[in-house]
N, C-alpha and C. Protein backbone atom coordinates (compact mmCIF):
# COMPACT_ATOMS: atom_id res chain seq x y z
N UNK A 1 -66.81 -24.78 -12.22
CA UNK A 1 -66.15 -24.79 -11.15
C UNK A 1 -65.08 -23.72 -10.20
N UNK A 2 -65.86 -23.53 -9.21
CA UNK A 2 -64.93 -22.44 -8.69
C UNK A 2 -63.10 -23.14 -7.97
N UNK A 3 -62.64 -21.93 -8.23
CA UNK A 3 -61.12 -22.58 -7.73
C UNK A 3 -60.66 -22.00 -6.00
N UNK A 4 -60.12 -22.83 -5.53
CA UNK A 4 -59.70 -22.13 -4.39
C UNK A 4 -58.78 -21.99 -4.25
N UNK A 5 -57.65 -20.81 -3.97
CA UNK A 5 -56.97 -20.20 -3.80
C UNK A 5 -56.30 -19.82 -2.59
N UNK A 6 -55.10 -20.73 -1.51
CA UNK A 6 -54.97 -20.45 -0.16
C UNK A 6 -53.38 -19.87 0.04
N UNK A 7 -52.88 -19.58 -0.75
CA UNK A 7 -51.55 -18.87 -0.72
C UNK A 7 -51.08 -18.19 -2.13
N UNK A 8 -50.06 -17.08 -2.25
CA UNK A 8 -49.68 -16.39 -3.04
C UNK A 8 -48.26 -17.18 -3.51
N UNK A 9 -48.46 -17.51 -4.59
CA UNK A 9 -47.01 -18.42 -4.93
C UNK A 9 -45.97 -17.60 -5.10
N UNK A 10 -45.77 -16.45 -5.81
CA UNK A 10 -44.88 -15.65 -5.82
C UNK A 10 -44.57 -14.17 -6.43
N UNK A 11 -44.20 -14.29 -7.70
CA UNK A 11 -44.37 -12.68 -8.34
C UNK A 11 -44.15 -12.99 -9.46
N UNK A 12 -45.13 -12.55 -11.05
CA UNK A 12 -45.24 -12.65 -12.08
C UNK A 12 -43.55 -13.12 -12.62
N UNK A 13 -42.86 -11.62 -12.16
CA UNK A 13 -41.62 -11.63 -12.50
C UNK A 13 -40.47 -12.91 -12.02
N UNK A 14 -41.22 -13.22 -11.42
CA UNK A 14 -39.98 -14.56 -10.77
C UNK A 14 -39.40 -15.57 -12.06
N UNK A 15 -38.30 -15.96 -11.93
CA UNK A 15 -38.08 -16.99 -12.95
C UNK A 15 -39.28 -18.03 -13.83
N UNK A 16 -39.71 -18.79 -12.70
CA UNK A 16 -40.66 -19.81 -13.19
C UNK A 16 -41.66 -19.36 -13.65
N UNK A 17 -41.94 -17.82 -14.00
CA UNK A 17 -43.48 -17.33 -14.15
C UNK A 17 -43.22 -16.68 -15.37
N UNK A 18 -41.87 -15.95 -16.06
CA UNK A 18 -41.37 -14.65 -16.62
C UNK A 18 -41.99 -15.54 -18.11
N UNK A 19 -43.02 -14.76 -19.07
CA UNK A 19 -43.17 -15.33 -20.68
C UNK A 19 -44.29 -16.07 -20.66
N UNK A 20 -44.77 -16.10 -19.46
CA UNK A 20 -46.27 -17.49 -19.42
C UNK A 20 -47.22 -16.73 -19.61
N UNK A 21 -48.14 -17.49 -20.43
CA UNK A 21 -49.34 -17.08 -20.40
C UNK A 21 -50.37 -16.54 -19.32
N UNK A 22 -51.04 -15.47 -19.24
CA UNK A 22 -51.83 -14.91 -17.62
C UNK A 22 -53.18 -14.83 -18.21
N UNK A 23 -53.41 -15.30 -16.50
CA UNK A 23 -55.10 -14.44 -16.68
C UNK A 23 -55.47 -13.55 -15.33
N UNK A 24 -55.19 -12.53 -16.17
CA UNK A 24 -55.28 -11.14 -15.02
C UNK A 24 -56.35 -11.77 -13.74
N UNK A 25 -55.96 -11.13 -12.74
CA UNK A 25 -57.39 -11.08 -11.52
C UNK A 25 -57.55 -9.80 -11.09
N UNK A 26 -58.46 -9.06 -11.63
CA UNK A 26 -58.49 -7.38 -11.24
C UNK A 26 -58.58 -7.63 -9.73
N UNK A 27 -58.65 -6.50 -8.60
CA UNK A 27 -58.44 -6.48 -7.41
C UNK A 27 -58.34 -4.84 -7.32
N UNK A 28 -59.31 -4.30 -6.57
CA UNK A 28 -59.33 -2.94 -6.34
C UNK A 28 -59.03 -2.93 -5.29
N UNK A 29 -58.53 -1.51 -4.53
CA UNK A 29 -58.13 -1.24 -3.32
C UNK A 29 -58.55 -1.69 -2.30
N UNK A 30 -59.73 -1.29 -2.27
CA UNK A 30 -60.36 -2.24 -0.96
C UNK A 30 -60.48 -3.34 -0.82
N UNK A 31 -60.04 -4.04 -1.73
CA UNK A 31 -60.27 -5.88 -1.36
C UNK A 31 -58.64 -6.19 -1.47
N UNK A 32 -57.82 -5.66 -1.49
CA UNK A 32 -56.21 -6.10 -1.43
C UNK A 32 -55.78 -6.32 -0.14
N UNK A 33 -56.43 -6.28 1.08
CA UNK A 33 -56.03 -6.85 1.97
C UNK A 33 -57.47 -7.48 2.82
N UNK A 34 -58.08 -7.73 1.90
CA UNK A 34 -59.21 -9.28 2.24
C UNK A 34 -58.38 -10.37 1.95
N UNK A 35 -59.08 -11.27 2.96
CA UNK A 35 -58.12 -12.34 3.13
C UNK A 35 -58.86 -13.73 2.47
N UNK A 36 -60.16 -13.27 2.53
CA UNK A 36 -60.97 -13.94 1.82
C UNK A 36 -62.00 -12.97 1.06
N UNK A 37 -62.53 -13.60 -0.57
CA UNK A 37 -62.44 -12.78 -1.59
C UNK A 37 -62.96 -14.18 -2.67
N UNK A 38 -64.45 -13.76 -3.17
CA UNK A 38 -65.07 -14.46 -4.40
C UNK A 38 -64.53 -13.38 -5.49
N UNK A 39 -63.91 -13.75 -6.58
CA UNK A 39 -63.77 -12.81 -8.13
C UNK A 39 -63.76 -13.77 -8.97
N UNK A 40 -63.78 -13.13 -10.32
CA UNK A 40 -63.75 -13.67 -11.50
C UNK A 40 -62.53 -13.50 -12.02
N UNK A 41 -61.64 -14.08 -12.84
CA UNK A 41 -60.34 -13.79 -13.47
C UNK A 41 -60.81 -12.97 -15.00
N UNK A 42 -59.98 -12.11 -15.83
CA UNK A 42 -60.12 -11.31 -17.00
C UNK A 42 -61.22 -13.12 -17.96
N UNK A 43 -59.92 -14.33 -17.72
CA UNK A 43 -60.36 -15.07 -18.65
C UNK A 43 -62.04 -16.04 -18.45
N UNK A 44 -62.56 -15.42 -17.15
CA UNK A 44 -63.90 -16.25 -16.97
C UNK A 44 -63.70 -17.14 -15.81
N UNK A 45 -62.40 -17.32 -15.21
CA UNK A 45 -62.19 -18.55 -14.18
C UNK A 45 -63.21 -17.53 -12.79
N UNK A 46 -63.91 -18.74 -12.17
CA UNK A 46 -64.41 -17.91 -10.74
C UNK A 46 -63.41 -18.94 -10.04
N UNK A 47 -63.15 -17.74 -8.68
CA UNK A 47 -62.06 -17.62 -8.05
C UNK A 47 -62.42 -17.51 -6.52
N UNK A 48 -62.08 -18.33 -5.49
CA UNK A 48 -62.38 -18.10 -4.30
C UNK A 48 -61.13 -17.95 -3.24
N UNK A 49 -60.71 -16.82 -2.88
CA UNK A 49 -59.30 -17.10 -2.33
C UNK A 49 -59.84 -17.13 -0.75
N UNK A 50 -59.00 -17.65 -0.14
CA UNK A 50 -58.80 -18.24 1.39
C UNK A 50 -57.57 -18.36 1.93
N UNK A 51 -57.15 -16.75 2.35
CA UNK A 51 -55.38 -16.25 2.28
C UNK A 51 -55.06 -16.37 3.67
N UNK A 52 -53.79 -16.58 4.05
CA UNK A 52 -53.21 -16.88 5.61
C UNK A 52 -53.55 -14.95 5.78
N UNK A 53 -54.09 -14.98 7.31
CA UNK A 53 -53.95 -13.33 7.65
C UNK A 53 -52.97 -12.64 7.18
N UNK A 54 -53.10 -11.28 6.93
CA UNK A 54 -52.09 -10.32 6.81
C UNK A 54 -51.72 -10.01 5.47
N UNK A 55 -52.43 -11.53 4.61
CA UNK A 55 -52.18 -11.44 2.99
C UNK A 55 -51.82 -9.81 2.74
N UNK A 56 -51.55 -9.49 1.42
CA UNK A 56 -52.01 -8.08 0.62
C UNK A 56 -51.64 -8.61 -0.93
N UNK A 57 -52.94 -8.87 -1.47
CA UNK A 57 -53.06 -9.36 -3.10
C UNK A 57 -52.57 -8.15 -4.14
N UNK A 58 -50.96 -7.88 -3.92
CA UNK A 58 -50.26 -6.64 -4.86
C UNK A 58 -50.05 -6.96 -5.98
N UNK A 59 -50.13 -5.87 -6.97
CA UNK A 59 -49.67 -5.76 -8.37
C UNK A 59 -48.85 -7.06 -8.81
N UNK A 60 -48.94 -7.99 -9.37
CA UNK A 60 -48.21 -8.99 -10.23
C UNK A 60 -48.13 -10.03 -9.14
N UNK A 61 -48.67 -10.27 -7.93
CA UNK A 61 -48.78 -11.47 -7.33
C UNK A 61 -49.41 -12.64 -8.26
N UNK A 62 -48.45 -13.87 -8.05
CA UNK A 62 -49.27 -14.98 -9.15
C UNK A 62 -50.23 -16.19 -7.84
N UNK A 63 -51.12 -16.28 -7.95
CA UNK A 63 -52.28 -16.73 -7.06
C UNK A 63 -52.39 -18.60 -7.49
N UNK A 64 -51.97 -18.26 -9.06
CA UNK A 64 -52.22 -20.08 -9.45
C UNK A 64 -51.30 -20.50 -10.37
N UNK A 65 -51.04 -21.88 -10.73
CA UNK A 65 -50.12 -22.18 -11.97
C UNK A 65 -50.90 -23.44 -11.95
N UNK A 66 -51.34 -23.62 -13.10
CA UNK A 66 -51.84 -24.84 -14.01
C UNK A 66 -50.94 -25.68 -14.50
N UNK A 67 -49.66 -24.93 -15.02
CA UNK A 67 -48.57 -25.48 -15.42
C UNK A 67 -48.62 -25.05 -17.03
N UNK A 68 -49.61 -23.94 -17.45
CA UNK A 68 -49.31 -23.45 -18.86
C UNK A 68 -50.20 -22.03 -18.41
N UNK A 69 -50.92 -21.50 -17.53
CA UNK A 69 -51.45 -20.63 -17.51
C UNK A 69 -51.51 -19.96 -15.89
N UNK A 70 -50.55 -18.85 -15.34
CA UNK A 70 -50.94 -18.29 -14.50
C UNK A 70 -52.12 -17.11 -13.87
N UNK A 71 -52.38 -17.20 -12.66
CA UNK A 71 -52.95 -16.29 -12.52
C UNK A 71 -52.65 -15.07 -11.78
N UNK A 72 -52.60 -14.02 -12.03
CA UNK A 72 -52.46 -12.64 -11.72
C UNK A 72 -52.75 -11.70 -11.42
N UNK A 73 -52.53 -11.14 -9.87
CA UNK A 73 -53.38 -10.09 -9.74
C UNK A 73 -52.94 -9.09 -10.25
N UNK A 74 -54.14 -8.21 -10.88
CA UNK A 74 -53.58 -7.17 -11.44
C UNK A 74 -54.49 -5.72 -11.13
N UNK A 75 -53.59 -4.45 -10.67
CA UNK A 75 -54.83 -4.12 -9.76
C UNK A 75 -55.85 -3.33 -10.63
N UNK A 76 -57.36 -2.51 -9.86
CA UNK A 76 -57.86 -2.37 -11.04
C UNK A 76 -57.85 -0.77 -10.64
N UNK A 77 -58.36 -0.16 -11.89
CA UNK A 77 -58.06 1.34 -11.72
C UNK A 77 -59.24 1.76 -11.23
N UNK A 78 -59.22 2.88 -10.29
CA UNK A 78 -60.29 3.88 -9.67
C UNK A 78 -60.25 5.12 -10.00
N UNK A 79 -61.28 5.72 -9.77
CA UNK A 79 -61.61 7.13 -10.22
C UNK A 79 -60.59 8.32 -9.05
N UNK A 80 -59.59 9.06 -9.22
CA UNK A 80 -59.39 9.53 -7.83
C UNK A 80 -58.97 11.34 -8.24
N UNK A 81 -59.49 11.69 -7.27
CA UNK A 81 -59.05 13.49 -7.22
C UNK A 81 -57.39 13.47 -7.03
N UNK A 82 -56.70 14.19 -8.38
CA UNK A 82 -55.30 14.06 -8.37
C UNK A 82 -54.76 15.67 -7.87
N UNK A 83 -54.38 16.60 -6.62
CA UNK A 83 -54.11 17.42 -6.58
C UNK A 83 -51.89 17.60 -6.42
N UNK A 84 -51.63 18.36 -7.64
CA UNK A 84 -50.13 18.11 -8.02
C UNK A 84 -49.39 19.52 -7.53
N UNK A 85 -49.15 19.31 -6.38
CA UNK A 85 -48.30 20.68 -5.77
C UNK A 85 -47.18 21.04 -6.22
N UNK A 86 -47.24 22.55 -6.59
CA UNK A 86 -46.20 23.24 -6.98
C UNK A 86 -44.87 23.35 -6.11
N UNK A 87 -43.78 22.48 -6.83
CA UNK A 87 -42.79 22.03 -5.70
C UNK A 87 -42.16 23.47 -6.01
N UNK A 88 -42.16 24.41 -6.54
CA UNK A 88 -41.72 25.83 -6.49
C UNK A 88 -41.87 26.59 -5.20
N UNK A 89 -42.94 25.98 -4.57
CA UNK A 89 -43.16 27.42 -3.50
C UNK A 89 -42.40 26.68 -2.43
N UNK A 90 -42.26 27.49 -1.66
CA UNK A 90 -41.71 27.49 -0.39
C UNK A 90 -42.13 26.14 0.81
N UNK A 91 -41.38 25.21 1.15
CA UNK A 91 -41.76 23.85 1.76
C UNK A 91 -42.61 24.40 2.68
N UNK A 92 -42.28 25.03 3.52
CA UNK A 92 -43.64 25.64 4.68
C UNK A 92 -44.87 25.81 4.05
N UNK A 93 -45.23 26.46 2.73
CA UNK A 93 -46.65 26.34 2.00
C UNK A 93 -47.26 25.25 1.45
N UNK A 94 -45.68 24.44 1.03
CA UNK A 94 -46.28 23.25 0.53
C UNK A 94 -47.12 22.05 1.46
N UNK A 95 -46.49 22.11 2.89
CA UNK A 95 -46.64 21.00 3.75
C UNK A 95 -47.85 21.58 4.34
N UNK A 96 -48.48 22.57 4.42
CA UNK A 96 -49.61 23.39 5.02
C UNK A 96 -50.93 23.02 3.83
N UNK A 97 -50.43 22.86 2.52
CA UNK A 97 -51.11 22.54 1.77
C UNK A 97 -51.72 21.25 1.56
N UNK A 98 -50.44 20.37 1.77
CA UNK A 98 -50.93 18.91 1.96
C UNK A 98 -51.56 18.31 3.02
N UNK A 99 -50.83 19.28 4.25
CA UNK A 99 -52.00 19.19 5.16
C UNK A 99 -53.45 19.37 5.16
N UNK A 100 -53.85 20.33 4.31
CA UNK A 100 -55.15 20.98 4.41
C UNK A 100 -56.19 19.66 3.48
N UNK A 101 -55.32 18.90 2.32
CA UNK A 101 -55.76 18.04 1.70
C UNK A 101 -55.83 16.61 2.58
N UNK A 102 -54.94 16.40 3.07
CA UNK A 102 -54.90 15.48 4.09
C UNK A 102 -55.77 15.06 5.27
N UNK A 103 -56.23 16.70 5.58
CA UNK A 103 -57.11 16.23 6.70
C UNK A 103 -58.62 16.37 6.46
N UNK A 104 -58.69 17.15 5.32
CA UNK A 104 -60.23 16.92 4.80
C UNK A 104 -60.32 15.37 3.97
N UNK A 105 -59.25 14.94 3.54
CA UNK A 105 -59.63 13.43 2.98
C UNK A 105 -59.78 12.44 3.92
N UNK A 106 -58.99 12.85 5.08
CA UNK A 106 -59.00 12.08 6.33
C UNK A 106 -60.52 11.78 7.27
N UNK A 107 -60.86 13.11 7.44
CA UNK A 107 -62.08 13.33 8.00
C UNK A 107 -63.24 12.44 7.33
N UNK A 108 -63.22 12.19 5.89
CA UNK A 108 -63.96 11.61 5.04
C UNK A 108 -63.83 10.36 4.85
N UNK A 109 -62.72 9.64 5.65
CA UNK A 109 -62.44 8.19 5.89
C UNK A 109 -61.83 7.92 4.19
N UNK A 110 -61.15 8.49 3.20
CA UNK A 110 -60.89 8.43 1.97
C UNK A 110 -59.51 7.75 1.73
N UNK A 111 -59.39 6.91 1.02
CA UNK A 111 -58.05 6.21 0.93
C UNK A 111 -57.29 7.91 0.13
N UNK A 112 -55.85 7.64 0.85
CA UNK A 112 -54.84 8.70 0.26
C UNK A 112 -53.63 8.24 -0.13
N UNK A 113 -52.95 8.85 -1.13
CA UNK A 113 -51.85 7.98 -1.56
C UNK A 113 -50.71 9.51 -1.98
N UNK A 114 -49.66 9.10 -1.92
CA UNK A 114 -48.61 10.36 -2.51
C UNK A 114 -47.75 9.51 -2.94
N UNK A 115 -47.53 10.29 -4.52
CA UNK A 115 -46.69 9.68 -5.58
C UNK A 115 -46.13 11.26 -5.89
N UNK A 116 -44.87 11.36 -5.68
CA UNK A 116 -43.89 12.38 -5.87
C UNK A 116 -44.49 13.47 -5.08
N UNK A 117 -45.19 14.55 -5.92
CA UNK A 117 -45.73 16.11 -6.01
C UNK A 117 -47.37 15.99 -5.73
N UNK A 118 -47.49 14.71 -5.88
CA UNK A 118 -49.29 14.41 -5.87
C UNK A 118 -49.87 13.36 -5.03
N UNK A 119 -50.95 14.02 -4.49
CA UNK A 119 -51.95 13.44 -3.40
C UNK A 119 -52.84 13.11 -4.33
N UNK A 120 -53.41 11.66 -4.11
CA UNK A 120 -54.30 11.06 -4.77
C UNK A 120 -55.22 10.50 -3.44
N UNK A 121 -56.74 11.20 -4.27
CA UNK A 121 -57.56 10.73 -2.77
C UNK A 121 -58.68 9.97 -3.82
N UNK A 122 -58.91 8.62 -3.42
CA UNK A 122 -59.84 8.02 -3.99
C UNK A 122 -61.09 8.43 -4.05
N UNK A 123 -61.87 8.63 -5.22
CA UNK A 123 -63.49 9.39 -5.37
C UNK A 123 -64.32 8.70 -5.02
N UNK A 124 -65.36 9.09 -3.36
CA UNK A 124 -66.03 8.40 -3.21
C UNK A 124 -67.49 9.21 -3.51
N UNK A 125 -67.52 9.84 -4.24
CA UNK A 125 -69.03 10.94 -4.35
C UNK A 125 -69.17 10.65 -5.44
N UNK A 126 -68.67 12.15 -6.24
CA UNK A 126 -69.04 12.21 -8.00
C UNK A 126 -67.12 13.16 -8.05
N UNK A 127 -67.27 12.58 -9.15
CA UNK A 127 -66.21 13.53 -9.63
C UNK A 127 -66.28 14.95 -9.48
N UNK A 128 -67.24 15.72 -9.97
CA UNK A 128 -68.25 17.09 -9.63
C UNK A 128 -67.35 17.80 -8.31
N UNK A 129 -67.96 16.45 -7.43
CA UNK A 129 -68.23 17.42 -5.94
C UNK A 129 -66.74 17.22 -5.35
N UNK A 130 -66.22 16.11 -5.56
CA UNK A 130 -64.69 16.42 -5.15
C UNK A 130 -63.86 17.81 -5.67
N UNK A 131 -63.68 17.65 -6.92
CA UNK A 131 -63.55 18.74 -7.88
C UNK A 131 -63.72 19.84 -7.12
N UNK A 132 -64.98 19.97 -6.94
CA UNK A 132 -65.73 21.74 -6.26
C UNK A 132 -64.96 21.64 -4.87
N UNK A 133 -64.87 20.85 -4.08
CA UNK A 133 -64.63 20.63 -2.42
C UNK A 133 -62.58 20.85 -2.70
N UNK A 134 -62.23 20.37 -3.19
CA UNK A 134 -60.69 20.26 -3.57
C UNK A 134 -60.38 22.04 -3.81
N UNK A 135 -61.15 22.54 -4.96
CA UNK A 135 -60.80 23.93 -5.75
C UNK A 135 -61.12 25.00 -4.54
N UNK A 136 -61.80 24.60 -3.74
CA UNK A 136 -62.52 25.53 -2.34
C UNK A 136 -61.06 25.65 -1.86
N UNK A 137 -60.22 24.66 -1.46
CA UNK A 137 -58.81 25.11 -0.61
C UNK A 137 -58.40 26.35 -0.77
N UNK A 138 -58.66 26.82 -2.22
CA UNK A 138 -57.79 27.94 -3.35
C UNK A 138 -56.11 27.53 -2.94
N UNK A 139 -55.83 26.16 -3.17
CA UNK A 139 -54.41 26.05 -3.28
C UNK A 139 -53.38 26.88 -4.32
N UNK A 140 -52.61 27.56 -3.85
CA UNK A 140 -51.38 28.28 -4.92
C UNK A 140 -50.62 27.75 -5.52
N UNK A 141 -50.68 27.56 -6.97
CA UNK A 141 -50.19 26.82 -8.24
C UNK A 141 -50.54 25.29 -7.99
N UNK A 142 -51.27 24.84 -7.43
CA UNK A 142 -51.77 23.74 -7.46
C UNK A 142 -52.58 22.97 -8.66
N UNK A 143 -52.40 22.15 -9.45
CA UNK A 143 -53.14 21.42 -10.62
C UNK A 143 -53.77 20.25 -9.69
N UNK A 144 -55.65 20.62 -10.17
CA UNK A 144 -56.17 19.47 -9.64
C UNK A 144 -57.34 19.12 -10.79
N UNK A 145 -57.27 17.77 -10.40
CA UNK A 145 -57.66 16.96 -11.65
C UNK A 145 -58.46 15.83 -11.24
N UNK A 146 -59.28 14.84 -12.39
CA UNK A 146 -59.43 13.61 -12.34
C UNK A 146 -58.62 12.79 -13.05
N UNK A 147 -58.26 11.31 -12.57
CA UNK A 147 -57.48 10.37 -13.21
C UNK A 147 -58.08 9.17 -12.83
N UNK A 148 -57.62 8.20 -13.65
CA UNK A 148 -57.85 6.89 -13.51
C UNK A 148 -56.64 6.28 -12.60
N UNK A 149 -56.47 5.94 -11.29
CA UNK A 149 -55.38 5.47 -10.63
C UNK A 149 -55.50 3.78 -10.19
N UNK A 150 -54.67 3.34 -10.22
CA UNK A 150 -54.11 1.81 -9.50
C UNK A 150 -53.54 2.18 -8.19
N UNK A 151 -54.37 2.28 -7.18
CA UNK A 151 -54.03 2.31 -5.37
C UNK A 151 -53.64 1.55 -4.91
N UNK A 152 -52.86 1.56 -4.17
CA UNK A 152 -51.96 -0.02 -3.26
C UNK A 152 -51.70 -0.76 -4.04
N UNK A 153 -50.76 -0.62 -5.34
CA UNK A 153 -50.42 -1.48 -5.86
C UNK A 153 -49.12 -2.50 -5.48
N UNK A 154 -48.57 -1.74 -4.61
CA UNK A 154 -47.20 -2.66 -3.93
C UNK A 154 -47.54 -3.31 -2.77
N UNK A 155 -47.82 -2.23 -1.60
CA UNK A 155 -47.80 -1.84 -0.38
C UNK A 155 -49.58 -1.75 0.09
N UNK A 156 -50.14 -2.49 1.20
CA UNK A 156 -51.38 -1.37 1.50
C UNK A 156 -51.36 -0.20 1.48
N UNK A 157 -52.46 0.68 1.49
CA UNK A 157 -52.64 1.85 2.01
C UNK A 157 -52.58 2.70 3.06
N UNK A 158 -52.47 3.70 3.12
CA UNK A 158 -52.18 4.01 4.73
C UNK A 158 -53.22 4.42 5.32
N UNK A 159 -54.17 4.13 4.95
CA UNK A 159 -56.15 4.14 5.21
C UNK A 159 -56.43 2.37 5.38
N UNK A 160 -56.50 1.92 6.60
CA UNK A 160 -57.27 0.65 6.12
C UNK A 160 -58.40 0.45 6.49
N UNK A 161 -59.04 -0.64 5.92
CA UNK A 161 -60.50 -0.76 5.95
C UNK A 161 -61.14 -1.00 7.44
N UNK A 162 -61.84 -0.65 7.83
CA UNK A 162 -62.39 -0.75 9.27
C UNK A 162 -62.28 -2.28 9.40
N UNK A 163 -62.45 -3.03 8.77
CA UNK A 163 -63.08 -4.43 9.31
C UNK A 163 -62.25 -5.47 8.01
N UNK A 164 -61.23 -6.15 8.21
CA UNK A 164 -60.19 -6.57 7.63
C UNK A 164 -60.43 -8.36 7.81
């Protein structure tokens, strides 16, 4: 039987939920803004979401409480191109490098997030192609790699899907 969920109940670290057994619901970044979604928890429970408009499935959101176990959103990790810019460079050079990466990713409608001196771009093709494209920029002092990243953990990403 599928469990119908119509609201977000709170946060996993709220007093009433702390220390309770959890059944994580993995949610990818492109699903986090969807108000209607069918999925399965890690414990195997079938879930159908029908949330209010504007809802965001952020990390640690509690979706269901049966008195024993809570269903909690867990942001799924996704492959990402990670560009770590050299903070020792002059600010105008760092800004120019960030703009080049952002322009390239934006033209491809790729999800982009920044964390500190890192620019994280969700991989849409293959890691090899993304690495080759990023290395072609000739970014001075930048470290370019591929990593597993949990995008949009606490707030929607800067690139919204075309159809919400």
